[in-house]
Amino acid sequence: MDIVLLLVAALFMLLGIIGSFLPILPGPLTSWIGLLIFHLTDAVPMNWTFLIITLVFAIIIWLLDYVIPALGTKRFGGSKYGMIGTSIGLLVGLFSPIPGGIIIGPFVGALIGELINKSDSKTAVKAAFGSFLGFLTSTFIKFVVAIIYLGLFIAKVWDYSDVLF
């Protein structure tokens, strides 16, 4: 049973890394679920302090994921329309057949949102750039946390490898 839980936990760790780039899947929270599943094995003792601290970080990053792109848009002079456009552009870019759509989508979405808001083109481009920077920053933070959780997972697997295998 421990091997099955180990494999499921590893799957969640990988999904967490993928979720760092996909807005549908909360990357660090998904990785944290992998850590939790791993601690449910009989071979690994439950470490509540470790799990609570990593959960708190995952929740903070999850919340920041919604705030950072909006702050980027607002910081560069964007409006609510630009922030909404960023979110819509992110979803459209995700399912777009265009390579790099997930990167281009938020920028174009913010630009269209600002143009709908009757902003001049200079303000719209500036807000779209802020949205793009916010998206990249948020994605980078999620990816780093998911990689750290993967490192913690691998370290734990290594520590308990004699009992697991």
N, C-alpha and C. Protein backbone atom coordinates (compact mmCIF):
# COMPACT_ATOMS: atom_id res chain seq x y z
N MET A 1 0.82 -1.20 0.00
CA MET A 1 0.00 0.00 0.00
C MET A 1 0.86 1.27 0.00
N ASP A 2 2.01 1.18 0.68
CA ASP A 2 2.89 2.35 0.74
C ASP A 2 3.39 2.75 -0.64
N ILE A 3 3.67 1.78 -1.48
CA ILE A 3 4.17 2.08 -2.83
C ILE A 3 3.09 2.80 -3.64
N VAL A 4 1.83 2.38 -3.48
CA VAL A 4 0.73 3.03 -4.19
C VAL A 4 0.61 4.48 -3.73
N LEU A 5 0.66 4.71 -2.42
CA LEU A 5 0.59 6.07 -1.90
C LEU A 5 1.79 6.90 -2.35
N LEU A 6 2.95 6.27 -2.41
CA LEU A 6 4.15 6.96 -2.89
C LEU A 6 3.97 7.40 -4.35
N LEU A 7 3.44 6.52 -5.17
CA LEU A 7 3.23 6.85 -6.59
C LEU A 7 2.17 7.93 -6.76
N VAL A 8 1.10 7.85 -5.99
CA VAL A 8 0.05 8.88 -6.05
C VAL A 8 0.61 10.22 -5.58
N ALA A 9 1.40 10.20 -4.53
CA ALA A 9 2.02 11.42 -4.03
C ALA A 9 2.96 12.02 -5.08
N ALA A 10 3.74 11.17 -5.75
CA ALA A 10 4.64 11.65 -6.80
C ALA A 10 3.84 12.26 -7.95
N LEU A 11 2.71 11.66 -8.28
CA LEU A 11 1.84 12.22 -9.33
C LEU A 11 1.35 13.61 -8.93
N PHE A 12 0.95 13.78 -7.69
CA PHE A 12 0.50 15.10 -7.22
C PHE A 12 1.64 16.11 -7.22
N MET A 13 2.84 15.66 -6.93
CA MET A 13 3.99 16.57 -6.98
C MET A 13 4.21 17.07 -8.40
N LEU A 14 4.14 16.17 -9.36
CA LEU A 14 4.30 16.57 -10.77
C LEU A 14 3.14 17.46 -11.23
N LEU A 15 1.92 17.12 -10.82
CA LEU A 15 0.78 17.98 -11.16
C LEU A 15 0.93 19.37 -10.55
N GLY A 16 1.54 19.44 -9.38
CA GLY A 16 1.79 20.73 -8.75
C GLY A 16 2.73 21.59 -9.57
N ILE A 17 3.75 20.96 -10.13
CA ILE A 17 4.68 21.71 -10.98
C ILE A 17 3.97 22.18 -12.25
N ILE A 18 3.19 21.29 -12.85
CA ILE A 18 2.42 21.67 -14.04
C ILE A 18 1.41 22.77 -13.68
N GLY A 19 0.80 22.64 -12.50
CA GLY A 19 -0.17 23.63 -12.05
C GLY A 19 0.43 25.00 -11.81
N SER A 20 1.73 25.08 -11.71
CA SER A 20 2.38 26.39 -11.57
C SER A 20 2.18 27.24 -12.81
N PHE A 21 1.99 26.58 -13.93
CA PHE A 21 1.84 27.28 -15.20
C PHE A 21 0.37 27.34 -15.67
N LEU A 22 -0.46 26.44 -15.17
CA LEU A 22 -1.86 26.40 -15.58
C LEU A 22 -2.73 27.07 -14.53
N PRO A 23 -3.57 28.01 -14.93
CA PRO A 23 -4.39 28.70 -13.93
C PRO A 23 -5.51 27.84 -13.34
N ILE A 24 -5.79 26.72 -13.97
CA ILE A 24 -6.88 25.86 -13.50
C ILE A 24 -6.47 25.05 -12.28
N LEU A 25 -5.21 24.71 -12.19
CA LEU A 25 -4.69 23.84 -11.15
C LEU A 25 -3.81 24.64 -10.19
N PRO A 26 -4.16 24.68 -8.90
CA PRO A 26 -3.33 25.44 -7.96
C PRO A 26 -2.04 24.68 -7.65
N GLY A 27 -0.93 25.09 -8.26
CA GLY A 27 0.33 24.36 -8.19
C GLY A 27 0.82 23.99 -6.80
N PRO A 28 1.15 24.97 -5.95
CA PRO A 28 1.68 24.63 -4.63
C PRO A 28 0.69 23.84 -3.76
N LEU A 29 -0.59 24.14 -3.86
CA LEU A 29 -1.57 23.37 -3.08
C LEU A 29 -1.63 21.92 -3.55
N THR A 30 -1.53 21.72 -4.85
CA THR A 30 -1.54 20.36 -5.39
C THR A 30 -0.28 19.61 -4.93
N SER A 31 0.86 20.29 -4.95
CA SER A 31 2.09 19.68 -4.44
C SER A 31 1.96 19.35 -2.96
N TRP A 32 1.31 20.23 -2.22
CA TRP A 32 1.13 19.98 -0.79
C TRP A 32 0.28 18.73 -0.56
N ILE A 33 -0.73 18.53 -1.38
CA ILE A 33 -1.54 17.31 -1.26
C ILE A 33 -0.65 16.09 -1.46
N GLY A 34 0.31 16.19 -2.38
CA GLY A 34 1.27 15.10 -2.55
C GLY A 34 2.07 14.85 -1.28
N LEU A 35 2.50 15.92 -0.61
CA LEU A 35 3.22 15.75 0.66
C LEU A 35 2.33 15.10 1.71
N LEU A 36 1.08 15.51 1.76
CA LEU A 36 0.14 14.93 2.73
C LEU A 36 -0.06 13.44 2.46
N ILE A 37 -0.29 13.09 1.20
CA ILE A 37 -0.48 11.68 0.85
C ILE A 37 0.76 10.86 1.23
N PHE A 38 1.92 11.42 1.00
CA PHE A 38 3.15 10.72 1.35
C PHE A 38 3.23 10.48 2.86
N HIS A 39 2.78 11.44 3.64
CA HIS A 39 2.82 11.28 5.10
C HIS A 39 1.75 10.30 5.60
N LEU A 40 0.83 9.92 4.74
CA LEU A 40 -0.18 8.94 5.13
C LEU A 40 0.33 7.50 5.02
N THR A 41 1.51 7.32 4.46
CA THR A 41 2.07 5.97 4.37
C THR A 41 2.46 5.50 5.76
N ASP A 42 2.52 4.19 5.92
CA ASP A 42 2.93 3.62 7.20
C ASP A 42 4.42 3.82 7.45
N ALA A 43 5.18 3.95 6.38
CA ALA A 43 6.64 4.06 6.51
C ALA A 43 7.10 5.43 7.00
N VAL A 44 6.31 6.46 6.73
CA VAL A 44 6.72 7.82 7.07
C VAL A 44 5.88 8.30 8.25
N PRO A 45 6.51 8.72 9.33
CA PRO A 45 5.74 9.22 10.47
C PRO A 45 5.07 10.56 10.13
N MET A 46 3.89 10.75 10.65
CA MET A 46 3.14 11.99 10.42
C MET A 46 3.85 13.13 11.15
N ASN A 47 4.18 14.16 10.42
CA ASN A 47 4.86 15.32 10.97
C ASN A 47 3.93 16.53 10.79
N TRP A 48 3.10 16.78 11.78
CA TRP A 48 2.08 17.83 11.67
C TRP A 48 2.69 19.22 11.52
N THR A 49 3.78 19.48 12.20
CA THR A 49 4.42 20.79 12.09
C THR A 49 4.86 21.06 10.66
N PHE A 50 5.52 20.09 10.07
CA PHE A 50 5.97 20.20 8.68
C PHE A 50 4.77 20.41 7.75
N LEU A 51 3.73 19.63 7.93
CA LEU A 51 2.56 19.73 7.05
C LEU A 51 1.83 21.06 7.21
N ILE A 52 1.71 21.54 8.43
CA ILE A 52 1.01 22.82 8.65
C ILE A 52 1.81 23.98 8.08
N ILE A 53 3.11 23.99 8.28
CA ILE A 53 3.94 25.08 7.75
C ILE A 53 3.89 25.09 6.23
N THR A 54 4.03 23.93 5.61
CA THR A 54 3.99 23.88 4.14
C THR A 54 2.60 24.23 3.62
N LEU A 55 1.55 23.86 4.36
CA LEU A 55 0.19 24.23 3.96
C LEU A 55 -0.02 25.74 4.02
N VAL A 56 0.46 26.37 5.07
CA VAL A 56 0.34 27.82 5.20
C VAL A 56 1.03 28.52 4.03
N PHE A 57 2.22 28.08 3.69
CA PHE A 57 2.92 28.67 2.54
C PHE A 57 2.15 28.45 1.24
N ALA A 58 1.61 27.26 1.07
CA ALA A 58 0.84 26.96 -0.15
C ALA A 58 -0.39 27.85 -0.25
N ILE A 59 -1.08 28.07 0.85
CA ILE A 59 -2.28 28.92 0.84
C ILE A 59 -1.90 30.37 0.56
N ILE A 60 -0.83 30.84 1.17
CA ILE A 60 -0.38 32.22 0.92
C ILE A 60 -0.05 32.41 -0.56
N ILE A 61 0.67 31.47 -1.14
CA ILE A 61 1.03 31.56 -2.56
C ILE A 61 -0.23 31.50 -3.43
N TRP A 62 -1.17 30.65 -3.06
CA TRP A 62 -2.43 30.53 -3.81
C TRP A 62 -3.18 31.87 -3.79
N LEU A 63 -3.23 32.52 -2.64
CA LEU A 63 -3.90 33.82 -2.55
C LEU A 63 -3.13 34.90 -3.33
N LEU A 64 -1.82 34.88 -3.22
CA LEU A 64 -1.02 35.86 -3.96
C LEU A 64 -1.16 35.68 -5.47
N ASP A 65 -1.45 34.47 -5.90
CA ASP A 65 -1.62 34.21 -7.33
C ASP A 65 -2.77 35.03 -7.91
N TYR A 66 -3.74 35.34 -7.11
CA TYR A 66 -4.86 36.16 -7.57
C TYR A 66 -4.58 37.64 -7.42
N VAL A 67 -3.69 37.99 -6.52
CA VAL A 67 -3.43 39.39 -6.22
C VAL A 67 -2.33 39.98 -7.10
N ILE A 68 -1.26 39.23 -7.33
CA ILE A 68 -0.09 39.77 -8.02
C ILE A 68 -0.40 40.27 -9.44
N PRO A 69 -1.08 39.48 -10.31
CA PRO A 69 -1.37 40.03 -11.64
C PRO A 69 -2.25 41.28 -11.59
N ALA A 70 -3.19 41.30 -10.67
CA ALA A 70 -4.04 42.48 -10.53
C ALA A 70 -3.23 43.68 -10.05
N LEU A 71 -2.31 43.44 -9.12
CA LEU A 71 -1.45 44.53 -8.66
C LEU A 71 -0.56 45.05 -9.78
N GLY A 72 -0.06 44.13 -10.60
CA GLY A 72 0.76 44.54 -11.73
C GLY A 72 -0.02 45.41 -12.69
N THR A 73 -1.26 45.01 -12.97
CA THR A 73 -2.11 45.80 -13.86
C THR A 73 -2.39 47.17 -13.25
N LYS A 74 -2.76 47.17 -11.97
CA LYS A 74 -3.10 48.42 -11.30
C LYS A 74 -1.88 49.34 -11.17
N ARG A 75 -0.74 48.75 -10.86
CA ARG A 75 0.49 49.53 -10.67
C ARG A 75 0.88 50.28 -11.94
N PHE A 76 0.58 49.69 -13.08
CA PHE A 76 0.92 50.31 -14.35
C PHE A 76 -0.26 51.09 -14.94
N GLY A 77 -1.22 51.46 -14.09
CA GLY A 77 -2.29 52.34 -14.52
C GLY A 77 -3.53 51.66 -15.07
N GLY A 78 -3.67 50.37 -14.85
CA GLY A 78 -4.82 49.64 -15.36
C GLY A 78 -6.06 49.81 -14.50
N SER A 79 -7.18 49.46 -15.07
CA SER A 79 -8.46 49.55 -14.37
C SER A 79 -8.99 48.14 -14.08
N LYS A 80 -10.19 48.09 -13.53
CA LYS A 80 -10.84 46.81 -13.27
C LYS A 80 -11.05 46.06 -14.58
N TYR A 81 -11.32 46.77 -15.65
CA TYR A 81 -11.49 46.13 -16.96
C TYR A 81 -10.20 45.43 -17.40
N GLY A 82 -9.09 46.05 -17.13
CA GLY A 82 -7.80 45.44 -17.47
C GLY A 82 -7.53 44.19 -16.66
N MET A 83 -7.91 44.22 -15.37
CA MET A 83 -7.71 43.05 -14.52
C MET A 83 -8.62 41.90 -14.96
N ILE A 84 -9.86 42.21 -15.30
CA ILE A 84 -10.77 41.19 -15.80
C ILE A 84 -10.28 40.65 -17.14
N GLY A 85 -9.82 41.54 -18.00
CA GLY A 85 -9.28 41.14 -19.29
C GLY A 85 -8.07 40.22 -19.13
N THR A 86 -7.26 40.49 -18.12
CA THR A 86 -6.10 39.63 -17.85
C THR A 86 -6.55 38.20 -17.55
N SER A 87 -7.54 38.07 -16.69
CA SER A 87 -8.03 36.74 -16.32
C SER A 87 -8.65 36.01 -17.51
N ILE A 88 -9.45 36.72 -18.27
CA ILE A 88 -10.08 36.11 -19.45
C ILE A 88 -9.00 35.74 -20.47
N GLY A 89 -8.05 36.63 -20.69
CA GLY A 89 -6.96 36.35 -21.63
C GLY A 89 -6.13 35.15 -21.21
N LEU A 90 -5.97 34.98 -19.91
CA LEU A 90 -5.23 33.83 -19.40
C LEU A 90 -5.94 32.53 -19.75
N LEU A 91 -7.25 32.51 -19.55
CA LEU A 91 -8.03 31.31 -19.87
C LEU A 91 -8.06 31.04 -21.37
N VAL A 92 -8.25 32.09 -22.17
CA VAL A 92 -8.27 31.92 -23.62
C VAL A 92 -6.89 31.46 -24.11
N GLY A 93 -5.84 32.05 -23.57
CA GLY A 93 -4.49 31.68 -23.96
C GLY A 93 -4.14 30.25 -23.60
N LEU A 94 -4.72 29.77 -22.51
CA LEU A 94 -4.47 28.41 -22.07
C LEU A 94 -4.97 27.39 -23.10
N PHE A 95 -6.13 27.66 -23.67
CA PHE A 95 -6.73 26.72 -24.62
C PHE A 95 -6.46 27.09 -26.07
N SER A 96 -5.68 28.10 -26.27
CA SER A 96 -5.37 28.56 -27.62
C SER A 96 -4.37 27.62 -28.30
N PRO A 97 -4.56 27.36 -29.60
CA PRO A 97 -3.59 26.52 -30.31
C PRO A 97 -2.29 27.28 -30.64
N ILE A 98 -2.28 28.57 -30.38
CA ILE A 98 -1.10 29.39 -30.65
C ILE A 98 -0.01 29.06 -29.63
N PRO A 99 1.21 28.75 -30.10
CA PRO A 99 2.29 28.53 -29.15
C PRO A 99 2.53 29.79 -28.31
N GLY A 100 2.66 29.61 -27.01
CA GLY A 100 2.87 30.75 -26.13
C GLY A 100 1.59 31.50 -25.81
N GLY A 101 0.44 30.91 -26.11
CA GLY A 101 -0.84 31.57 -25.86
C GLY A 101 -1.06 31.90 -24.40
N ILE A 102 -0.53 31.07 -23.51
CA ILE A 102 -0.71 31.33 -22.08
C ILE A 102 0.09 32.56 -21.64
N ILE A 103 1.10 32.93 -22.41
CA ILE A 103 1.88 34.13 -22.09
C ILE A 103 1.29 35.36 -22.79
N ILE A 104 0.87 35.17 -24.03
CA ILE A 104 0.32 36.28 -24.81
C ILE A 104 -1.09 36.63 -24.35
N GLY A 105 -1.86 35.63 -23.93
CA GLY A 105 -3.26 35.82 -23.55
C GLY A 105 -3.50 36.89 -22.51
N PRO A 106 -2.80 36.86 -21.37
CA PRO A 106 -3.04 37.89 -20.35
C PRO A 106 -2.72 39.30 -20.85
N PHE A 107 -1.67 39.42 -21.65
CA PHE A 107 -1.30 40.73 -22.20
C PHE A 107 -2.41 41.25 -23.12
N VAL A 108 -2.84 40.41 -24.06
CA VAL A 108 -3.88 40.82 -25.01
C VAL A 108 -5.20 41.07 -24.28
N GLY A 109 -5.50 40.22 -23.29
CA GLY A 109 -6.74 40.40 -22.52
C GLY A 109 -6.77 41.72 -21.79
N ALA A 110 -5.67 42.07 -21.14
CA ALA A 110 -5.60 43.36 -20.43
C ALA A 110 -5.69 44.51 -21.41
N LEU A 111 -5.04 44.38 -22.55
CA LEU A 111 -5.09 45.42 -23.57
C LEU A 111 -6.52 45.63 -24.06
N ILE A 112 -7.22 44.56 -24.38
CA ILE A 112 -8.61 44.67 -24.85
C ILE A 112 -9.49 45.22 -23.74
N GLY A 113 -9.28 44.74 -22.51
CA GLY A 113 -10.07 45.25 -21.38
C GLY A 113 -9.92 46.75 -21.20
N GLU A 114 -8.70 47.23 -21.31
CA GLU A 114 -8.45 48.67 -21.16
C GLU A 114 -9.03 49.45 -22.34
N LEU A 115 -8.95 48.91 -23.53
CA LEU A 115 -9.52 49.59 -24.70
C LEU A 115 -11.04 49.64 -24.60
N ILE A 116 -11.65 48.59 -24.05
CA ILE A 116 -13.10 48.60 -23.82
C ILE A 116 -13.46 49.67 -22.79
N ASN A 117 -12.57 49.86 -21.82
CA ASN A 117 -12.77 50.87 -20.78
C ASN A 117 -12.56 52.29 -21.32
N LYS A 118 -12.28 52.39 -22.60
CA LYS A 118 -12.06 53.67 -23.28
C LYS A 118 -10.77 54.35 -22.84
N SER A 119 -9.80 53.56 -22.45
CA SER A 119 -8.48 54.11 -22.16
C SER A 119 -7.77 54.40 -23.48
N ASP A 120 -6.87 55.37 -23.44
CA ASP A 120 -6.09 55.62 -24.65
C ASP A 120 -5.13 54.45 -24.86
N SER A 121 -4.63 54.32 -26.06
CA SER A 121 -3.80 53.15 -26.39
C SER A 121 -2.52 53.10 -25.57
N LYS A 122 -1.94 54.23 -25.24
CA LYS A 122 -0.71 54.25 -24.45
C LYS A 122 -0.97 53.68 -23.05
N THR A 123 -2.06 54.11 -22.42
CA THR A 123 -2.42 53.61 -21.09
C THR A 123 -2.75 52.13 -21.15
N ALA A 124 -3.46 51.72 -22.21
CA ALA A 124 -3.85 50.32 -22.36
C ALA A 124 -2.61 49.42 -22.50
N VAL A 125 -1.65 49.83 -23.30
CA VAL A 125 -0.44 49.04 -23.48
C VAL A 125 0.36 48.97 -22.18
N LYS A 126 0.43 50.08 -21.48
CA LYS A 126 1.16 50.12 -20.20
C LYS A 126 0.50 49.18 -19.19
N ALA A 127 -0.83 49.22 -19.10
CA ALA A 127 -1.54 48.33 -18.18
C ALA A 127 -1.37 46.86 -18.59
N ALA A 128 -1.40 46.60 -19.89
CA ALA A 128 -1.22 45.23 -20.38
C ALA A 128 0.18 44.73 -20.02
N PHE A 129 1.18 45.59 -20.13
CA PHE A 129 2.53 45.22 -19.76
C PHE A 129 2.61 44.90 -18.26
N GLY A 130 1.94 45.70 -17.45
CA GLY A 130 1.90 45.44 -16.01
C GLY A 130 1.24 44.12 -15.69
N SER A 131 0.19 43.81 -16.42
CA SER A 131 -0.49 42.53 -16.25
C SER A 131 0.44 41.38 -16.60
N PHE A 132 1.17 41.54 -17.69
CA PHE A 132 2.10 40.51 -18.14
C PHE A 132 3.19 40.29 -17.09
N LEU A 133 3.74 41.37 -16.56
CA LEU A 133 4.77 41.24 -15.52
C LEU A 133 4.21 40.58 -14.26
N GLY A 134 2.99 40.95 -13.90
CA GLY A 134 2.35 40.33 -12.73
C GLY A 134 2.14 38.84 -12.93
N PHE A 135 1.71 38.46 -14.14
CA PHE A 135 1.51 37.05 -14.44
C PHE A 135 2.83 36.28 -14.37
N LEU A 136 3.88 36.83 -14.96
CA LEU A 136 5.18 36.15 -14.93
C LEU A 136 5.71 36.02 -13.50
N THR A 137 5.54 37.07 -12.71
CA THR A 137 5.99 37.03 -11.32
C THR A 137 5.25 35.96 -10.53
N SER A 138 3.94 35.94 -10.68
CA SER A 138 3.12 34.96 -9.98
C SER A 138 3.47 33.54 -10.39
N THR A 139 3.64 33.32 -11.68
CA THR A 139 3.99 32.00 -12.18
C THR A 139 5.35 31.55 -11.65
N PHE A 140 6.32 32.46 -11.65
CA PHE A 140 7.64 32.14 -11.15
C PHE A 140 7.61 31.75 -9.67
N ILE A 141 6.87 32.49 -8.87
CA ILE A 141 6.77 32.19 -7.44
C ILE A 141 6.14 30.82 -7.23
N LYS A 142 5.05 30.53 -7.95
CA LYS A 142 4.39 29.22 -7.81
C LYS A 142 5.34 28.10 -8.22
N PHE A 143 6.08 28.30 -9.30
CA PHE A 143 7.00 27.27 -9.78
C PHE A 143 8.09 27.01 -8.75
N VAL A 144 8.65 28.06 -8.18
CA VAL A 144 9.72 27.90 -7.19
C VAL A 144 9.20 27.13 -5.97
N VAL A 145 8.02 27.47 -5.50
CA VAL A 145 7.47 26.78 -4.33
C VAL A 145 7.19 25.31 -4.67
N ALA A 146 6.63 25.04 -5.85
CA ALA A 146 6.37 23.65 -6.25
C ALA A 146 7.67 22.85 -6.35
N ILE A 147 8.73 23.46 -6.85
CA ILE A 147 10.04 22.79 -6.94
C ILE A 147 10.60 22.54 -5.53
N ILE A 148 10.43 23.49 -4.63
CA ILE A 148 10.89 23.30 -3.25
C ILE A 148 10.14 22.13 -2.61
N TYR A 149 8.83 22.07 -2.83
CA TYR A 149 8.04 20.95 -2.29
C TYR A 149 8.48 19.63 -2.90
N LEU A 150 8.82 19.63 -4.18
CA LEU A 150 9.33 18.41 -4.80
C LEU A 150 10.66 18.02 -4.16
N GLY A 151 11.51 18.99 -3.90
CA GLY A 151 12.78 18.71 -3.22
C GLY A 151 12.56 18.13 -1.83
N LEU A 152 11.61 18.68 -1.10
CA LEU A 152 11.29 18.15 0.23
C LEU A 152 10.77 16.71 0.12
N PHE A 153 9.94 16.47 -0.88
CA PHE A 153 9.39 15.13 -1.12
C PHE A 153 10.51 14.14 -1.42
N ILE A 154 11.41 14.51 -2.31
CA ILE A 154 12.53 13.63 -2.68
C ILE A 154 13.42 13.36 -1.47
N ALA A 155 13.65 14.40 -0.67
CA ALA A 155 14.48 14.22 0.53
C ALA A 155 13.82 13.24 1.51
N LYS A 156 12.51 13.36 1.67
CA LYS A 156 11.79 12.45 2.57
C LYS A 156 11.81 11.02 2.02
N VAL A 157 11.62 10.88 0.71
CA VAL A 157 11.67 9.55 0.10
C VAL A 157 13.05 8.95 0.32
N TRP A 158 14.08 9.75 0.14
CA TRP A 158 15.46 9.27 0.34
C TRP A 158 15.67 8.84 1.80
N ASP A 159 15.17 9.66 2.73
CA ASP A 159 15.35 9.35 4.16
C ASP A 159 14.67 8.03 4.55
N TYR A 160 13.53 7.74 3.94
CA TYR A 160 12.75 6.56 4.31
C TYR A 160 12.79 5.48 3.23
N SER A 161 13.78 5.54 2.36
CA SER A 161 13.85 4.58 1.25
C SER A 161 14.03 3.15 1.72
N ASP A 162 14.76 2.95 2.80
CA ASP A 162 14.96 1.58 3.30
C ASP A 162 13.66 0.96 3.80
N VAL A 163 12.74 1.77 4.31
CA VAL A 163 11.47 1.27 4.81
C VAL A 163 10.44 1.17 3.66
N LEU A 164 10.52 2.10 2.71
CA LEU A 164 9.55 2.12 1.61
C LEU A 164 9.79 1.01 0.60
N PHE A 165 11.05 0.76 0.30
CA PHE A 165 11.34 -0.20 -0.77
C PHE A 165 11.85 -1.46 -0.17
